[in-house]
């Protein structure tokens, strides 16, 4: 029904996936901030 060993074996791979998502979101946020400083909004 519930295989605890399989869950524990898959945790590192899930961790890498979550880390990859976090890095991708951080890169997008940094790109938006940098582009906002290079091309400021005109008022």
Protein backbone atom coordinates (compact mmCIF):
# COMPACT_ATOMS: atom_id res chain seq x y z
CA UNK A 1 0.00 0.00 0.00
CA UNK A 2 2.54 2.61 1.12
CA UNK A 3 6.20 1.96 0.37
CA UNK A 4 8.26 4.04 2.79
CA UNK A 5 11.56 2.81 1.35
CA UNK A 6 10.62 3.99 -2.15
CA UNK A 7 9.65 7.39 -0.74
CA UNK A 8 12.98 7.75 1.05
CA UNK A 9 14.88 6.73 -2.10
CA UNK A 10 13.04 9.30 -4.22
CA UNK A 11 13.50 12.21 -1.79
CA UNK A 12 16.91 13.31 -3.17
CA UNK A 13 15.56 13.45 -6.73
CA UNK A 14 12.53 15.46 -5.58
CA UNK A 15 14.90 17.78 -3.72
CA UNK A 16 16.93 18.39 -6.88
CA UNK A 17 13.72 19.17 -8.75
CA UNK A 18 12.59 21.67 -6.14
CA UNK A 19 16.07 23.24 -6.11
CA UNK A 20 15.96 23.59 -9.90
CA UNK A 21 12.56 25.29 -9.75
CA UNK A 22 13.82 27.66 -7.03
CA UNK A 23 16.90 28.57 -9.09
CA UNK A 24 14.81 29.18 -12.23
CA UNK A 25 12.41 31.48 -10.35
CA UNK A 26 15.34 33.35 -8.77
CA UNK A 27 16.96 33.89 -12.21
CA UNK A 28 13.69 35.26 -13.62
CA UNK A 29 13.25 37.63 -10.66
CA UNK A 30 16.84 38.88 -10.98
CA UNK A 31 16.41 39.40 -14.73
CA UNK A 32 13.27 41.50 -14.13
CA UNK A 33 15.06 43.60 -11.48
CA UNK A 34 18.11 44.15 -13.71
CA UNK A 35 16.00 45.06 -16.74
CA UNK A 36 14.01 47.46 -14.55
CA UNK A 37 17.23 49.24 -13.59
CA UNK A 38 18.56 49.33 -17.18
CA UNK A 39 15.26 50.54 -18.67
CA UNK A 40 13.43 52.55 -15.99
CA UNK A 41 9.74 53.33 -16.48
CA UNK A 42 9.19 56.74 -18.04
CA UNK A 43 6.69 58.97 -16.27
